[in-house]
Amino acid sequence: MKILIVDDHLERHDKIKNKFNERDTIWYSAFNSDEGISLLQQKPDVVFLDHDLGERYSSRDMSFIDTTVPVAEEIIRLCKSNSSSIGLVIVHSMNIVGRNNLVNMLDPYVEVKGITYSALLRVTFSIG
């Protein structure tokens, strides 16, 4: 199984990997939306998405808040073109509005679960 995590906190990557570590799992880690979009080319089976990915800077030294919305848009594009291997997307954001927006955006195209990060670490469910 291939799993992609898109989150700007390294410790969250580690905790998710520890919680959902299964035999023969290949992990991919992205810390911003550009990396997340790029790693979708690895054809993950499961994707973990945070919503807010922190502040970034553009080529003009302009700061902006990065989110996983562009990653979700790419997932939708892949699903529409039948080139997606993604069976499940888990949106694990503390941002309730952002989490709900991503879930509603993705729901017509792929199985999606919306949950807070803290609840994600407490609950038991299968991702395989």
N, C-alpha and C. Protein backbone atom coordinates (compact mmCIF):
# COMPACT_ATOMS: atom_id res chain seq x y z
N MET A 1 0.84 -1.17 0.00
CA MET A 1 0.00 0.00 0.00
C MET A 1 0.89 1.24 0.00
N LYS A 2 0.51 2.24 -0.77
CA LYS A 2 1.22 3.51 -0.83
C LYS A 2 0.38 4.58 -0.14
N ILE A 3 1.01 5.31 0.78
CA ILE A 3 0.30 6.33 1.55
C ILE A 3 1.04 7.65 1.46
N LEU A 4 0.30 8.70 1.13
CA LEU A 4 0.84 10.06 1.05
C LEU A 4 0.28 10.88 2.21
N ILE A 5 1.17 11.58 2.91
CA ILE A 5 0.78 12.51 3.96
C ILE A 5 1.15 13.91 3.50
N VAL A 6 0.18 14.83 3.52
CA VAL A 6 0.44 16.23 3.19
C VAL A 6 0.10 17.05 4.44
N ASP A 7 1.15 17.45 5.15
CA ASP A 7 1.01 18.17 6.41
C ASP A 7 2.31 18.92 6.65
N ASP A 8 2.22 20.12 7.21
CA ASP A 8 3.44 20.91 7.42
C ASP A 8 4.15 20.62 8.73
N HIS A 9 3.67 19.67 9.52
CA HIS A 9 4.29 19.33 10.80
C HIS A 9 4.93 17.93 10.73
N LEU A 10 6.23 17.86 10.85
CA LEU A 10 6.96 16.60 10.78
C LEU A 10 6.48 15.60 11.83
N GLU A 11 6.21 16.08 13.05
CA GLU A 11 5.78 15.16 14.10
C GLU A 11 4.44 14.51 13.77
N ARG A 12 3.59 15.19 13.03
CA ARG A 12 2.32 14.57 12.62
C ARG A 12 2.57 13.46 11.61
N HIS A 13 3.52 13.66 10.71
CA HIS A 13 3.88 12.60 9.76
C HIS A 13 4.30 11.35 10.55
N ASP A 14 5.17 11.56 11.53
CA ASP A 14 5.69 10.43 12.32
C ASP A 14 4.58 9.72 13.07
N LYS A 15 3.67 10.47 13.69
CA LYS A 15 2.59 9.85 14.47
C LYS A 15 1.60 9.11 13.57
N ILE A 16 1.30 9.66 12.41
CA ILE A 16 0.40 8.98 11.48
C ILE A 16 1.06 7.69 11.00
N LYS A 17 2.35 7.75 10.68
CA LYS A 17 3.07 6.55 10.23
C LYS A 17 3.07 5.49 11.32
N ASN A 18 3.28 5.88 12.56
CA ASN A 18 3.28 4.92 13.66
C ASN A 18 1.90 4.29 13.86
N LYS A 19 0.85 5.10 13.75
CA LYS A 19 -0.51 4.60 13.99
C LYS A 19 -0.98 3.66 12.88
N PHE A 20 -0.65 3.99 11.65
CA PHE A 20 -1.20 3.24 10.52
C PHE A 20 -0.14 2.40 9.81
N ASN A 21 0.95 2.12 10.48
CA ASN A 21 2.01 1.35 9.86
C ASN A 21 1.57 -0.09 9.65
N GLU A 22 1.54 -0.49 8.42
CA GLU A 22 1.18 -1.85 8.07
C GLU A 22 2.31 -2.44 7.23
N ARG A 23 2.34 -3.72 7.18
CA ARG A 23 3.37 -4.39 6.41
C ARG A 23 3.33 -3.96 4.94
N ASP A 24 4.50 -3.80 4.37
CA ASP A 24 4.64 -3.45 2.95
C ASP A 24 4.07 -2.07 2.61
N THR A 25 4.02 -1.16 3.57
CA THR A 25 3.54 0.19 3.31
C THR A 25 4.69 1.05 2.82
N ILE A 26 4.44 1.80 1.75
CA ILE A 26 5.39 2.78 1.24
C ILE A 26 4.83 4.14 1.58
N TRP A 27 5.62 4.94 2.28
CA TRP A 27 5.18 6.25 2.74
C TRP A 27 5.79 7.36 1.90
N TYR A 28 4.99 8.39 1.61
CA TYR A 28 5.46 9.60 0.93
C TYR A 28 5.05 10.78 1.81
N SER A 29 5.99 11.71 2.01
CA SER A 29 5.72 12.87 2.85
C SER A 29 5.86 14.16 2.06
N ALA A 30 4.82 14.99 2.15
CA ALA A 30 4.83 16.32 1.54
C ALA A 30 4.53 17.34 2.63
N PHE A 31 5.22 18.47 2.56
CA PHE A 31 5.07 19.50 3.58
C PHE A 31 4.43 20.77 3.04
N ASN A 32 4.16 20.81 1.74
CA ASN A 32 3.44 21.94 1.15
C ASN A 32 2.65 21.42 -0.05
N SER A 33 1.82 22.28 -0.62
CA SER A 33 0.93 21.83 -1.69
C SER A 33 1.69 21.43 -2.95
N ASP A 34 2.78 22.12 -3.27
CA ASP A 34 3.55 21.76 -4.46
C ASP A 34 4.12 20.35 -4.34
N GLU A 35 4.67 20.02 -3.17
CA GLU A 35 5.19 18.67 -2.96
C GLU A 35 4.07 17.64 -3.01
N GLY A 36 2.92 17.97 -2.45
CA GLY A 36 1.78 17.06 -2.46
C GLY A 36 1.33 16.74 -3.87
N ILE A 37 1.22 17.76 -4.71
CA ILE A 37 0.82 17.56 -6.10
C ILE A 37 1.85 16.68 -6.81
N SER A 38 3.11 16.98 -6.60
CA SER A 38 4.18 16.20 -7.24
C SER A 38 4.13 14.72 -6.81
N LEU A 39 3.91 14.47 -5.52
CA LEU A 39 3.91 13.09 -5.02
C LEU A 39 2.65 12.31 -5.40
N LEU A 40 1.62 12.98 -5.87
CA LEU A 40 0.46 12.24 -6.39
C LEU A 40 0.84 11.39 -7.60
N GLN A 41 1.95 11.73 -8.26
CA GLN A 41 2.43 10.94 -9.40
C GLN A 41 2.87 9.54 -8.96
N GLN A 42 3.10 9.34 -7.67
CA GLN A 42 3.48 8.02 -7.15
C GLN A 42 2.28 7.09 -7.01
N LYS A 43 1.10 7.60 -7.33
CA LYS A 43 -0.16 6.83 -7.30
C LYS A 43 -0.44 6.22 -5.92
N PRO A 44 -0.59 7.08 -4.91
CA PRO A 44 -0.91 6.55 -3.57
C PRO A 44 -2.30 5.95 -3.52
N ASP A 45 -2.47 5.00 -2.59
CA ASP A 45 -3.77 4.38 -2.36
C ASP A 45 -4.58 5.18 -1.34
N VAL A 46 -3.88 5.79 -0.40
CA VAL A 46 -4.50 6.58 0.67
C VAL A 46 -3.76 7.90 0.78
N VAL A 47 -4.52 8.99 1.01
CA VAL A 47 -3.91 10.31 1.17
C VAL A 47 -4.44 10.93 2.47
N PHE A 48 -3.51 11.38 3.33
CA PHE A 48 -3.85 12.15 4.52
C PHE A 48 -3.61 13.62 4.19
N LEU A 49 -4.63 14.47 4.37
CA LEU A 49 -4.50 15.90 4.09
C LEU A 49 -4.79 16.74 5.32
N ASP A 50 -3.84 17.60 5.68
CA ASP A 50 -4.14 18.69 6.59
C ASP A 50 -4.73 19.78 5.70
N HIS A 51 -5.38 20.79 6.25
CA HIS A 51 -5.88 21.88 5.41
C HIS A 51 -4.87 23.01 5.35
N ASP A 52 -4.50 23.53 6.50
CA ASP A 52 -3.60 24.68 6.56
C ASP A 52 -2.15 24.20 6.61
N LEU A 53 -1.35 24.68 5.67
CA LEU A 53 0.04 24.24 5.58
C LEU A 53 1.04 25.34 5.91
N GLY A 54 0.60 26.36 6.58
CA GLY A 54 1.52 27.41 7.03
C GLY A 54 1.81 28.45 5.98
N GLU A 55 2.65 29.40 6.36
CA GLU A 55 2.98 30.53 5.50
C GLU A 55 4.13 30.16 4.56
N ARG A 56 4.01 30.56 3.32
CA ARG A 56 5.06 30.34 2.31
C ARG A 56 5.32 31.66 1.61
N TYR A 57 6.36 31.67 0.81
CA TYR A 57 6.72 32.88 0.07
C TYR A 57 6.78 32.59 -1.42
N SER A 58 6.28 33.53 -2.20
CA SER A 58 6.31 33.38 -3.65
C SER A 58 7.63 33.93 -4.18
N SER A 59 7.81 33.83 -5.47
CA SER A 59 9.05 34.31 -6.09
C SER A 59 9.20 35.82 -5.97
N ARG A 60 8.15 36.51 -5.67
CA ARG A 60 8.21 37.97 -5.49
C ARG A 60 8.30 38.37 -4.02
N ASP A 61 8.70 37.43 -3.18
CA ASP A 61 8.80 37.67 -1.73
C ASP A 61 7.48 38.07 -1.11
N MET A 62 6.41 37.62 -1.70
CA MET A 62 5.08 37.86 -1.15
C MET A 62 4.69 36.63 -0.34
N SER A 63 4.24 36.84 0.88
CA SER A 63 3.85 35.68 1.68
C SER A 63 2.40 35.32 1.39
N PHE A 64 2.08 34.05 1.55
CA PHE A 64 0.71 33.58 1.40
C PHE A 64 0.54 32.35 2.29
N ILE A 65 -0.69 32.07 2.63
CA ILE A 65 -0.98 30.90 3.44
C ILE A 65 -1.25 29.74 2.48
N ASP A 66 -0.46 28.69 2.63
CA ASP A 66 -0.60 27.51 1.77
C ASP A 66 -1.67 26.59 2.36
N THR A 67 -2.46 26.00 1.51
CA THR A 67 -3.46 25.01 1.92
C THR A 67 -3.36 23.79 1.00
N THR A 68 -4.09 22.76 1.32
CA THR A 68 -4.10 21.58 0.46
C THR A 68 -5.20 21.63 -0.60
N VAL A 69 -5.85 22.76 -0.77
CA VAL A 69 -6.88 22.88 -1.81
C VAL A 69 -6.31 22.53 -3.19
N PRO A 70 -5.11 23.02 -3.58
CA PRO A 70 -4.59 22.61 -4.90
C PRO A 70 -4.35 21.09 -5.00
N VAL A 71 -3.99 20.45 -3.90
CA VAL A 71 -3.80 19.00 -3.90
C VAL A 71 -5.15 18.32 -4.13
N ALA A 72 -6.18 18.79 -3.45
CA ALA A 72 -7.53 18.23 -3.62
C ALA A 72 -8.00 18.42 -5.06
N GLU A 73 -7.72 19.58 -5.65
CA GLU A 73 -8.11 19.83 -7.04
C GLU A 73 -7.40 18.86 -7.97
N GLU A 74 -6.14 18.55 -7.70
CA GLU A 74 -5.40 17.59 -8.52
C GLU A 74 -5.96 16.18 -8.33
N ILE A 75 -6.34 15.82 -7.11
CA ILE A 75 -6.97 14.51 -6.87
C ILE A 75 -8.25 14.41 -7.70
N ILE A 76 -9.05 15.45 -7.70
CA ILE A 76 -10.29 15.46 -8.48
C ILE A 76 -9.98 15.30 -9.97
N ARG A 77 -8.98 16.04 -10.46
CA ARG A 77 -8.60 15.94 -11.87
C ARG A 77 -8.20 14.50 -12.22
N LEU A 78 -7.41 13.87 -11.34
CA LEU A 78 -6.98 12.49 -11.57
C LEU A 78 -8.17 11.53 -11.56
N CYS A 79 -9.10 11.76 -10.64
CA CYS A 79 -10.29 10.90 -10.57
C CYS A 79 -11.13 11.04 -11.84
N LYS A 80 -11.30 12.26 -12.30
CA LYS A 80 -12.11 12.50 -13.50
C LYS A 80 -11.48 11.85 -14.73
N SER A 81 -10.16 11.78 -14.76
CA SER A 81 -9.47 11.21 -15.93
C SER A 81 -9.22 9.70 -15.75
N ASN A 82 -9.77 9.14 -14.69
CA ASN A 82 -9.59 7.71 -14.38
C ASN A 82 -8.13 7.31 -14.23
N SER A 83 -7.28 8.24 -13.77
CA SER A 83 -5.88 7.89 -13.56
C SER A 83 -5.49 7.97 -12.08
N SER A 84 -6.47 7.78 -11.22
CA SER A 84 -6.21 7.83 -9.79
C SER A 84 -6.28 6.43 -9.19
N SER A 85 -5.34 6.15 -8.31
CA SER A 85 -5.37 4.89 -7.56
C SER A 85 -5.87 5.11 -6.14
N ILE A 86 -6.25 6.34 -5.83
CA ILE A 86 -6.63 6.72 -4.46
C ILE A 86 -7.98 6.11 -4.11
N GLY A 87 -7.99 5.34 -3.02
CA GLY A 87 -9.23 4.74 -2.55
C GLY A 87 -9.82 5.47 -1.36
N LEU A 88 -8.99 6.26 -0.67
CA LEU A 88 -9.44 6.94 0.54
C LEU A 88 -8.61 8.20 0.76
N VAL A 89 -9.29 9.30 1.10
CA VAL A 89 -8.64 10.54 1.52
C VAL A 89 -9.13 10.83 2.93
N ILE A 90 -8.18 11.08 3.83
CA ILE A 90 -8.52 11.43 5.20
C ILE A 90 -8.06 12.87 5.43
N VAL A 91 -9.03 13.75 5.67
CA VAL A 91 -8.74 15.16 5.93
C VAL A 91 -8.69 15.31 7.45
N HIS A 92 -7.50 15.58 7.98
CA HIS A 92 -7.30 15.57 9.43
C HIS A 92 -6.97 16.96 9.97
N SER A 93 -7.78 17.93 9.65
CA SER A 93 -7.49 19.32 10.00
C SER A 93 -8.27 19.79 11.22
N MET A 94 -7.65 20.65 12.01
CA MET A 94 -8.33 21.30 13.13
C MET A 94 -9.20 22.47 12.63
N ASN A 95 -8.96 22.92 11.40
CA ASN A 95 -9.72 24.00 10.79
C ASN A 95 -11.04 23.41 10.29
N ILE A 96 -12.10 23.62 11.06
CA ILE A 96 -13.39 22.99 10.78
C ILE A 96 -13.93 23.40 9.41
N VAL A 97 -13.89 24.68 9.11
CA VAL A 97 -14.41 25.17 7.83
C VAL A 97 -13.58 24.61 6.68
N GLY A 98 -12.26 24.69 6.80
CA GLY A 98 -11.38 24.16 5.76
C GLY A 98 -11.56 22.66 5.57
N ARG A 99 -11.66 21.94 6.68
CA ARG A 99 -11.86 20.48 6.62
C ARG A 99 -13.16 20.15 5.90
N ASN A 100 -14.25 20.82 6.29
CA ASN A 100 -15.55 20.56 5.66
C ASN A 100 -15.53 20.92 4.18
N ASN A 101 -14.85 22.02 3.82
CA ASN A 101 -14.77 22.40 2.41
C ASN A 101 -14.04 21.33 1.59
N LEU A 102 -12.92 20.81 2.13
CA LEU A 102 -12.19 19.76 1.41
C LEU A 102 -13.03 18.49 1.29
N VAL A 103 -13.70 18.11 2.37
CA VAL A 103 -14.54 16.91 2.34
C VAL A 103 -15.63 17.06 1.29
N ASN A 104 -16.32 18.19 1.29
CA ASN A 104 -17.41 18.42 0.32
C ASN A 104 -16.89 18.47 -1.11
N MET A 105 -15.71 19.01 -1.28
CA MET A 105 -15.09 19.12 -2.60
C MET A 105 -14.74 17.73 -3.16
N LEU A 106 -14.18 16.87 -2.30
CA LEU A 106 -13.69 15.56 -2.73
C LEU A 106 -14.76 14.48 -2.77
N ASP A 107 -15.80 14.62 -1.96
CA ASP A 107 -16.79 13.56 -1.75
C ASP A 107 -17.40 12.99 -3.04
N PRO A 108 -17.69 13.79 -4.04
CA PRO A 108 -18.29 13.19 -5.25
C PRO A 108 -17.32 12.28 -6.03
N TYR A 109 -16.03 12.36 -5.73
CA TYR A 109 -15.02 11.70 -6.55
C TYR A 109 -14.28 10.54 -5.88
N VAL A 110 -14.20 10.55 -4.56
CA VAL A 110 -13.39 9.57 -3.85
C VAL A 110 -13.95 9.42 -2.43
N GLU A 111 -13.76 8.25 -1.83
CA GLU A 111 -14.17 8.10 -0.43
C GLU A 111 -13.32 9.04 0.42
N VAL A 112 -13.98 9.80 1.28
CA VAL A 112 -13.27 10.80 2.08
C VAL A 112 -13.83 10.79 3.50
N LYS A 113 -12.92 10.95 4.47
CA LYS A 113 -13.29 11.08 5.88
C LYS A 113 -12.73 12.39 6.40
N GLY A 114 -13.53 13.14 7.13
CA GLY A 114 -13.09 14.36 7.78
C GLY A 114 -13.02 14.15 9.27
N ILE A 115 -11.88 14.51 9.87
CA ILE A 115 -11.67 14.24 11.29
C ILE A 115 -10.61 15.21 11.81
N THR A 116 -10.69 15.54 13.09
CA THR A 116 -9.62 16.36 13.65
C THR A 116 -8.37 15.50 13.81
N TYR A 117 -7.22 16.14 13.83
CA TYR A 117 -5.97 15.40 13.98
C TYR A 117 -5.95 14.63 15.30
N SER A 118 -6.39 15.27 16.39
CA SER A 118 -6.36 14.59 17.70
C SER A 118 -7.29 13.38 17.71
N ALA A 119 -8.46 13.49 17.07
CA ALA A 119 -9.36 12.35 17.00
C ALA A 119 -8.78 11.25 16.12
N LEU A 120 -8.07 11.63 15.09
CA LEU A 120 -7.44 10.65 14.21
C LEU A 120 -6.51 9.73 14.99
N LEU A 121 -5.80 10.28 15.95
CA LEU A 121 -4.88 9.48 16.74
C LEU A 121 -5.59 8.61 17.76
N ARG A 122 -6.86 8.93 18.11
CA ARG A 122 -7.61 8.17 19.11
C ARG A 122 -8.46 7.05 18.51
N VAL A 123 -9.01 7.27 17.34
CA VAL A 123 -9.97 6.31 16.78
C VAL A 123 -9.27 5.13 16.11
N THR A 124 -10.02 4.08 15.93
CA THR A 124 -9.50 2.91 15.25
C THR A 124 -10.33 2.67 14.00
N PHE A 125 -9.68 2.64 12.86
CA PHE A 125 -10.33 2.25 11.62
C PHE A 125 -9.26 1.76 10.66
N SER A 126 -9.70 1.00 9.70
CA SER A 126 -8.78 0.41 8.74
C SER A 126 -8.64 1.33 7.53
N ILE A 127 -7.42 1.45 7.02
CA ILE A 127 -7.21 2.24 5.83
C ILE A 127 -6.86 1.34 4.63
N GLY A 128 -6.79 0.05 4.87
CA GLY A 128 -6.37 -0.85 3.79
C GLY A 128 -7.48 -1.59 3.14
